[in-house]
Amino acid sequence: MYYLKRLKDLRKSHNLRQENLAELLRITRQQYGLYETGKREIPVRHLKILALFYQTSADYILEITNQM
């Protein structure tokens, strides 16, 4: 899955922990961790929330573009 590194990089660049994003998405930290490791695909509804939160596009998160 192509968005794994980008998810982790965005989180770290904002000085956040997986727990912070899990709370935002209303899921467990373990479930969010599965998104970053590629063991579970991220649902579109969570992708949308993260794009709005990071003020970027879903295309950027999905590595379709490198332009935030």
PDB file of N, CA and C in Angstrom:
ATOM      1  N   MET A   1       0.847  -1.180   0.000  1.00  0.00           N
ATOM      2  CA  MET A   1       0.000   0.000   0.000  1.00  0.00           C
ATOM      3  C   MET A   1       0.887   1.235   0.000  1.00  0.00           C
ATOM      4  N   TYR A   2       0.571   2.131  -0.863  1.00  0.00           N
ATOM      5  CA  TYR A   2       1.450   3.239  -1.182  1.00  0.00           C
ATOM      6  C   TYR A   2       1.385   4.398  -0.206  1.00  0.00           C
ATOM      7  N   TYR A   3       0.412   4.453   0.662  1.00  0.00           N
ATOM      8  CA  TYR A   3       0.267   5.613   1.544  1.00  0.00           C
ATOM      9  C   TYR A   3       0.895   5.418   2.917  1.00  0.00           C
ATOM     10  N   LEU A   4       1.473   4.268   3.174  1.00  0.00           N
ATOM     11  CA  LEU A   4       1.971   3.954   4.514  1.00  0.00           C
ATOM     12  C   LEU A   4       3.016   4.948   5.006  1.00  0.00           C
ATOM     13  N   LYS A   5       4.023   5.189   4.213  1.00  0.00           N
ATOM     14  CA  LYS A   5       5.089   6.100   4.615  1.00  0.00           C
ATOM     15  C   LYS A   5       4.554   7.515   4.770  1.00  0.00           C
ATOM     16  N   ARG A   6       3.676   7.909   3.890  1.00  0.00           N
ATOM     17  CA  ARG A   6       3.151   9.277   3.947  1.00  0.00           C
ATOM     18  C   ARG A   6       2.329   9.480   5.216  1.00  0.00           C
ATOM     19  N   LEU A   7       1.532   8.497   5.602  1.00  0.00           N
ATOM     20  CA  LEU A   7       0.754   8.611   6.848  1.00  0.00           C
ATOM     21  C   LEU A   7       1.676   8.804   8.044  1.00  0.00           C
ATOM     22  N   LYS A   8       2.703   8.002   8.106  1.00  0.00           N
ATOM     23  CA  LYS A   8       3.642   8.077   9.227  1.00  0.00           C
ATOM     24  C   LYS A   8       4.416   9.393   9.197  1.00  0.00           C
ATOM     25  N   ASP A   9       4.865   9.810   8.014  1.00  0.00           N
ATOM     26  CA  ASP A   9       5.611  11.062   7.894  1.00  0.00           C
ATOM     27  C   ASP A   9       4.758  12.263   8.304  1.00  0.00           C
ATOM     28  N   LEU A  10       3.502  12.284   7.880  1.00  0.00           N
ATOM     29  CA  LEU A  10       2.613  13.383   8.267  1.00  0.00           C
ATOM     30  C   LEU A  10       2.429  13.421   9.784  1.00  0.00           C
ATOM     31  N   ARG A  11       2.214  12.271  10.360  1.00  0.00           N
ATOM     32  CA  ARG A  11       2.012  12.202  11.812  1.00  0.00           C
ATOM     33  C   ARG A  11       3.241  12.716  12.543  1.00  0.00           C
ATOM     34  N   LYS A  12       4.404  12.251  12.135  1.00  0.00           N
ATOM     35  CA  LYS A  12       5.636  12.651  12.821  1.00  0.00           C
ATOM     36  C   LYS A  12       5.951  14.129  12.605  1.00  0.00           C
ATOM     37  N   SER A  13       5.691  14.643  11.400  1.00  0.00           N
ATOM     38  CA  SER A  13       5.984  16.055  11.133  1.00  0.00           C
ATOM     39  C   SER A  13       5.078  16.990  11.935  1.00  0.00           C
ATOM     40  N   HIS A  14       3.956  16.477  12.408  1.00  0.00           N
ATOM     41  CA  HIS A  14       3.044  17.256  13.254  1.00  0.00           C
ATOM     42  C   HIS A  14       3.220  16.917  14.740  1.00  0.00           C
ATOM     43  N   ASN A  15       4.276  16.171  15.041  1.00  0.00           N
ATOM     44  CA  ASN A  15       4.588  15.781  16.425  1.00  0.00           C
ATOM     45  C   ASN A  15       3.404  15.117  17.122  1.00  0.00           C
ATOM     46  N   LEU A  16       2.780  14.188  16.415  1.00  0.00           N
ATOM     47  CA  LEU A  16       1.627  13.471  16.953  1.00  0.00           C
ATOM     48  C   LEU A  16       1.981  12.013  17.203  1.00  0.00           C
ATOM     49  N   ARG A  17       1.233  11.407  18.082  1.00  0.00           N
ATOM     50  CA  ARG A  17       1.358   9.974  18.335  1.00  0.00           C
ATOM     51  C   ARG A  17       0.173   9.267  17.681  1.00  0.00           C
ATOM     52  N   GLN A  18       0.315   7.984  17.496  1.00  0.00           N
ATOM     53  CA  GLN A  18      -0.787   7.208  16.924  1.00  0.00           C
ATOM     54  C   GLN A  18      -2.048   7.372  17.757  1.00  0.00           C
ATOM     55  N   GLU A  19      -1.896   7.506  19.056  1.00  0.00           N
ATOM     56  CA  GLU A  19      -3.051   7.674  19.944  1.00  0.00           C
ATOM     57  C   GLU A  19      -3.842   8.930  19.598  1.00  0.00           C
ATOM     58  N   ASN A  20      -3.123   9.999  19.235  1.00  0.00           N
ATOM     59  CA  ASN A  20      -3.791  11.254  18.887  1.00  0.00           C
ATOM     60  C   ASN A  20      -4.682  11.083  17.662  1.00  0.00           C
ATOM     61  N   LEU A  21      -4.167  10.401  16.668  1.00  0.00           N
ATOM     62  CA  LEU A  21      -4.937  10.216  15.440  1.00  0.00           C
ATOM     63  C   LEU A  21      -6.052   9.195  15.629  1.00  0.00           C
ATOM     64  N   ALA A  22      -5.797   8.200  16.442  1.00  0.00           N
ATOM     65  CA  ALA A  22      -6.850   7.225  16.733  1.00  0.00           C
ATOM     66  C   ALA A  22      -8.029   7.922  17.407  1.00  0.00           C
ATOM     67  N   GLU A  23      -7.728   8.836  18.310  1.00  0.00           N
ATOM     68  CA  GLU A  23      -8.796   9.585  18.979  1.00  0.00           C
ATOM     69  C   GLU A  23      -9.571  10.433  17.974  1.00  0.00           C
ATOM     70  N   LEU A  24      -8.851  11.089  17.066  1.00  0.00           N
ATOM     71  CA  LEU A  24      -9.485  11.894  16.018  1.00  0.00           C
ATOM     72  C   LEU A  24     -10.430  11.037  15.166  1.00  0.00           C
ATOM     73  N   LEU A  25      -9.991   9.827  14.828  1.00  0.00           N
ATOM     74  CA  LEU A  25     -10.771   8.938  13.968  1.00  0.00           C
ATOM     75  C   LEU A  25     -11.783   8.093  14.747  1.00  0.00           C
ATOM     76  N   ARG A  26     -11.711   8.184  16.072  1.00  0.00           N
ATOM     77  CA  ARG A  26     -12.589   7.416  16.960  1.00  0.00           C
ATOM     78  C   ARG A  26     -12.421   5.902  16.771  1.00  0.00           C
ATOM     79  N   ILE A  27     -11.143   5.521  16.756  1.00  0.00           N
ATOM     80  CA  ILE A  27     -10.772   4.111  16.656  1.00  0.00           C
ATOM     81  C   ILE A  27      -9.703   3.842  17.712  1.00  0.00           C
ATOM     82  N   THR A  28      -9.277   2.604  17.828  1.00  0.00           N
ATOM     83  CA  THR A  28      -8.221   2.291  18.787  1.00  0.00           C
ATOM     84  C   THR A  28      -6.848   2.626  18.192  1.00  0.00           C
ATOM     85  N   ARG A  29      -5.873   2.783  19.058  1.00  0.00           N
ATOM     86  CA  ARG A  29      -4.508   3.023  18.609  1.00  0.00           C
ATOM     87  C   ARG A  29      -4.015   1.835  17.794  1.00  0.00           C
ATOM     88  N   GLN A  30      -4.402   0.646  18.209  1.00  0.00           N
ATOM     89  CA  GLN A  30      -3.987  -0.553  17.487  1.00  0.00           C
ATOM     90  C   GLN A  30      -4.526  -0.549  16.061  1.00  0.00           C
ATOM     91  N   GLN A  31      -5.778  -0.132  15.912  1.00  0.00           N
ATOM     92  CA  GLN A  31      -6.367  -0.093  14.570  1.00  0.00           C
ATOM     93  C   GLN A  31      -5.633   0.929  13.704  1.00  0.00           C
ATOM     94  N   TYR A  32      -5.333   2.094  14.265  1.00  0.00           N
ATOM     95  CA  TYR A  32      -4.588   3.087  13.486  1.00  0.00           C
ATOM     96  C   TYR A  32      -3.207   2.548  13.116  1.00  0.00           C
ATOM     97  N   GLY A  33      -2.574   1.876  14.047  1.00  0.00           N
ATOM     98  CA  GLY A  33      -1.267   1.283  13.782  1.00  0.00           C
ATOM     99  C   GLY A  33      -1.309   0.313  12.612  1.00  0.00           C
ATOM    100  N   LEU A  34      -2.411  -0.392  12.472  1.00  0.00           N
ATOM    101  CA  LEU A  34      -2.566  -1.317  11.340  1.00  0.00           C
ATOM    102  C   LEU A  34      -2.602  -0.566  10.015  1.00  0.00           C
ATOM    103  N   TYR A  35      -3.130   0.653  10.006  1.00  0.00           N
ATOM    104  CA  TYR A  35      -3.113   1.473   8.783  1.00  0.00           C
ATOM    105  C   TYR A  35      -1.671   1.801   8.398  1.00  0.00           C
ATOM    106  N   GLU A  36      -0.868   2.203   9.389  1.00  0.00           N
ATOM    107  CA  GLU A  36       0.515   2.607   9.102  1.00  0.00           C
ATOM    108  C   GLU A  36       1.399   1.427   8.703  1.00  0.00           C
ATOM    109  N   THR A  37       1.081   0.241   9.167  1.00  0.00           N
ATOM    110  CA  THR A  37       1.897  -0.924   8.814  1.00  0.00           C
ATOM    111  C   THR A  37       1.389  -1.659   7.583  1.00  0.00           C
ATOM    112  N   GLY A  38       0.234  -1.256   7.086  1.00  0.00           N
ATOM    113  CA  GLY A  38      -0.303  -1.879   5.887  1.00  0.00           C
ATOM    114  C   GLY A  38      -1.062  -3.164   6.125  1.00  0.00           C
ATOM    115  N   LYS A  39      -1.334  -3.464   7.371  1.00  0.00           N
ATOM    116  CA  LYS A  39      -2.075  -4.679   7.679  1.00  0.00           C
ATOM    117  C   LYS A  39      -3.587  -4.477   7.540  1.00  0.00           C
ATOM    118  N   ARG A  40      -3.985  -3.228   7.384  1.00  0.00           N
ATOM    119  CA  ARG A  40      -5.396  -2.910   7.155  1.00  0.00           C
ATOM    120  C   ARG A  40      -5.454  -1.676   6.265  1.00  0.00           C
ATOM    121  N   GLU A  41      -6.331  -1.723   5.256  1.00  0.00           N
ATOM    122  CA  GLU A  41      -6.502  -0.569   4.378  1.00  0.00           C
ATOM    123  C   GLU A  41      -7.303   0.504   5.098  1.00  0.00           C
ATOM    124  N   ILE A  42      -6.926   1.745   4.839  1.00  0.00           N
ATOM    125  CA  ILE A  42      -7.608   2.849   5.478  1.00  0.00           C
ATOM    126  C   ILE A  42      -8.929   3.136   4.753  1.00  0.00           C
ATOM    127  N   PRO A  43     -10.036   3.216   5.471  1.00  0.00           N
ATOM    128  CA  PRO A  43     -11.314   3.515   4.833  1.00  0.00           C
ATOM    129  C   PRO A  43     -11.343   4.947   4.286  1.00  0.00           C
ATOM    130  N   VAL A  44     -12.116   5.161   3.264  1.00  0.00           N
ATOM    131  CA  VAL A  44     -12.214   6.475   2.634  1.00  0.00           C
ATOM    132  C   VAL A  44     -12.644   7.531   3.659  1.00  0.00           C
ATOM    133  N   ARG A  45     -13.563   7.188   4.550  1.00  0.00           N
ATOM    134  CA  ARG A  45     -14.035   8.179   5.531  1.00  0.00           C
ATOM    135  C   ARG A  45     -12.885   8.628   6.437  1.00  0.00           C
ATOM    136  N   HIS A  46     -11.963   7.734   6.773  1.00  0.00           N
ATOM    137  CA  HIS A  46     -10.816   8.111   7.596  1.00  0.00           C
ATOM    138  C   HIS A  46      -9.799   8.903   6.782  1.00  0.00           C
ATOM    139  N   LEU A  47      -9.634   8.544   5.542  1.00  0.00           N
ATOM    140  CA  LEU A  47      -8.741   9.283   4.657  1.00  0.00           C
ATOM    141  C   LEU A  47      -9.215  10.732   4.531  1.00  0.00           C
ATOM    142  N   LYS A  48     -10.497  10.919   4.385  1.00  0.00           N
ATOM    143  CA  LYS A  48     -11.067  12.264   4.268  1.00  0.00           C
ATOM    144  C   LYS A  48     -10.822  13.069   5.543  1.00  0.00           C
ATOM    145  N   ILE A  49     -11.046  12.469   6.692  1.00  0.00           N
ATOM    146  CA  ILE A  49     -10.828  13.154   7.970  1.00  0.00           C
ATOM    147  C   ILE A  49      -9.361  13.561   8.105  1.00  0.00           C
ATOM    148  N   LEU A  50      -8.453  12.661   7.761  1.00  0.00           N
ATOM    149  CA  LEU A  50      -7.030  12.960   7.874  1.00  0.00           C
ATOM    150  C   LEU A  50      -6.607  14.058   6.899  1.00  0.00           C
ATOM    151  N   ALA A  51      -7.123  14.034   5.683  1.00  0.00           N
ATOM    152  CA  ALA A  51      -6.793  15.077   4.708  1.00  0.00           C
ATOM    153  C   ALA A  51      -7.254  16.445   5.213  1.00  0.00           C
ATOM    154  N   LEU A  52      -8.443  16.513   5.759  1.00  0.00           N
ATOM    155  CA  LEU A  52      -8.936  17.777   6.313  1.00  0.00           C
ATOM    156  C   LEU A  52      -8.109  18.197   7.522  1.00  0.00           C
ATOM    157  N   PHE A  53      -7.780  17.258   8.382  1.00  0.00           N
ATOM    158  CA  PHE A  53      -6.999  17.547   9.578  1.00  0.00           C
ATOM    159  C   PHE A  53      -5.618  18.094   9.214  1.00  0.00           C
ATOM    160  N   TYR A  54      -4.951  17.456   8.279  1.00  0.00           N
ATOM    161  CA  TYR A  54      -3.610  17.877   7.870  1.00  0.00           C
ATOM    162  C   TYR A  54      -3.637  19.026   6.865  1.00  0.00           C
ATOM    163  N   GLN A  55      -4.811  19.429   6.443  1.00  0.00           N
ATOM    164  CA  GLN A  55      -5.003  20.495   5.454  1.00  0.00           C
ATOM    165  C   GLN A  55      -4.236  20.191   4.167  1.00  0.00           C
ATOM    166  N   THR A  56      -4.454  18.986   3.682  1.00  0.00           N
ATOM    167  CA  THR A  56      -3.835  18.545   2.437  1.00  0.00           C
ATOM    168  C   THR A  56      -4.879  17.764   1.644  1.00  0.00           C
ATOM    169  N   SER A  57      -4.486  17.223   0.533  1.00  0.00           N
ATOM    170  CA  SER A  57      -5.432  16.459  -0.280  1.00  0.00           C
ATOM    171  C   SER A  57      -5.262  14.962  -0.038  1.00  0.00           C
ATOM    172  N   ALA A  58      -6.308  14.238  -0.331  1.00  0.00           N
ATOM    173  CA  ALA A  58      -6.221  12.781  -0.269  1.00  0.00           C
ATOM    174  C   ALA A  58      -5.207  12.293  -1.302  1.00  0.00           C
ATOM    175  N   ASP A  59      -5.103  12.990  -2.420  1.00  0.00           N
ATOM    176  CA  ASP A  59      -4.111  12.622  -3.441  1.00  0.00           C
ATOM    177  C   ASP A  59      -2.696  12.681  -2.878  1.00  0.00           C
ATOM    178  N   TYR A  60      -2.429  13.656  -2.031  1.00  0.00           N
ATOM    179  CA  TYR A  60      -1.104  13.748  -1.421  1.00  0.00           C
ATOM    180  C   TYR A  60      -0.871  12.561  -0.485  1.00  0.00           C
ATOM    181  N   ILE A  61      -1.839  12.266   0.356  1.00  0.00           N
ATOM    182  CA  ILE A  61      -1.695  11.141   1.283  1.00  0.00           C
ATOM    183  C   ILE A  61      -1.499   9.839   0.521  1.00  0.00           C
ATOM    184  N   LEU A  62      -2.221   9.688  -0.578  1.00  0.00           N
ATOM    185  CA  LEU A  62      -2.152   8.464  -1.374  1.00  0.00           C
ATOM    186  C   LEU A  62      -0.957   8.437  -2.321  1.00  0.00           C
ATOM    187  N   GLU A  63      -0.124   9.486  -2.284  1.00  0.00           N
ATOM    188  CA  GLU A  63       1.065   9.607  -3.116  1.00  0.00           C
ATOM    189  C   GLU A  63       0.751   9.633  -4.603  1.00  0.00           C
ATOM    190  N   ILE A  64      -0.412  10.169  -4.938  1.00  0.00           N
ATOM    191  CA  ILE A  64      -0.743  10.392  -6.347  1.00  0.00           C
ATOM    192  C   ILE A  64      -0.030  11.660  -6.825  1.00  0.00           C
ATOM    193  N   THR A  65       0.159  12.583  -5.878  1.00  0.00           N
ATOM    194  CA  THR A  65       0.887  13.815  -6.144  1.00  0.00           C
ATOM    195  C   THR A  65       1.840  14.075  -4.979  1.00  0.00           C
ATOM    196  N   ASN A  66       2.853  14.857  -5.256  1.00  0.00           N
ATOM    197  CA  ASN A  66       3.771  15.271  -4.200  1.00  0.00           C
ATOM    198  C   ASN A  66       3.491  16.689  -3.737  1.00  0.00           C
ATOM    199  N   GLN A  67       2.459  17.273  -4.309  1.00  0.00           N
ATOM    200  CA  GLN A  67       2.089  18.650  -3.968  1.00  0.00           C
ATOM    201  C   GLN A  67       1.021  18.627  -2.879  1.00  0.00           C
ATOM    202  N   MET A  68       1.365  19.199  -1.723  1.00  0.00           N
ATOM    203  CA  MET A  68       0.421  19.206  -0.608  1.00  0.00           C
ATOM    204  C   MET A  68      -0.772  20.076  -0.955  1.00  0.00           C
TER     205      MET A  68
END
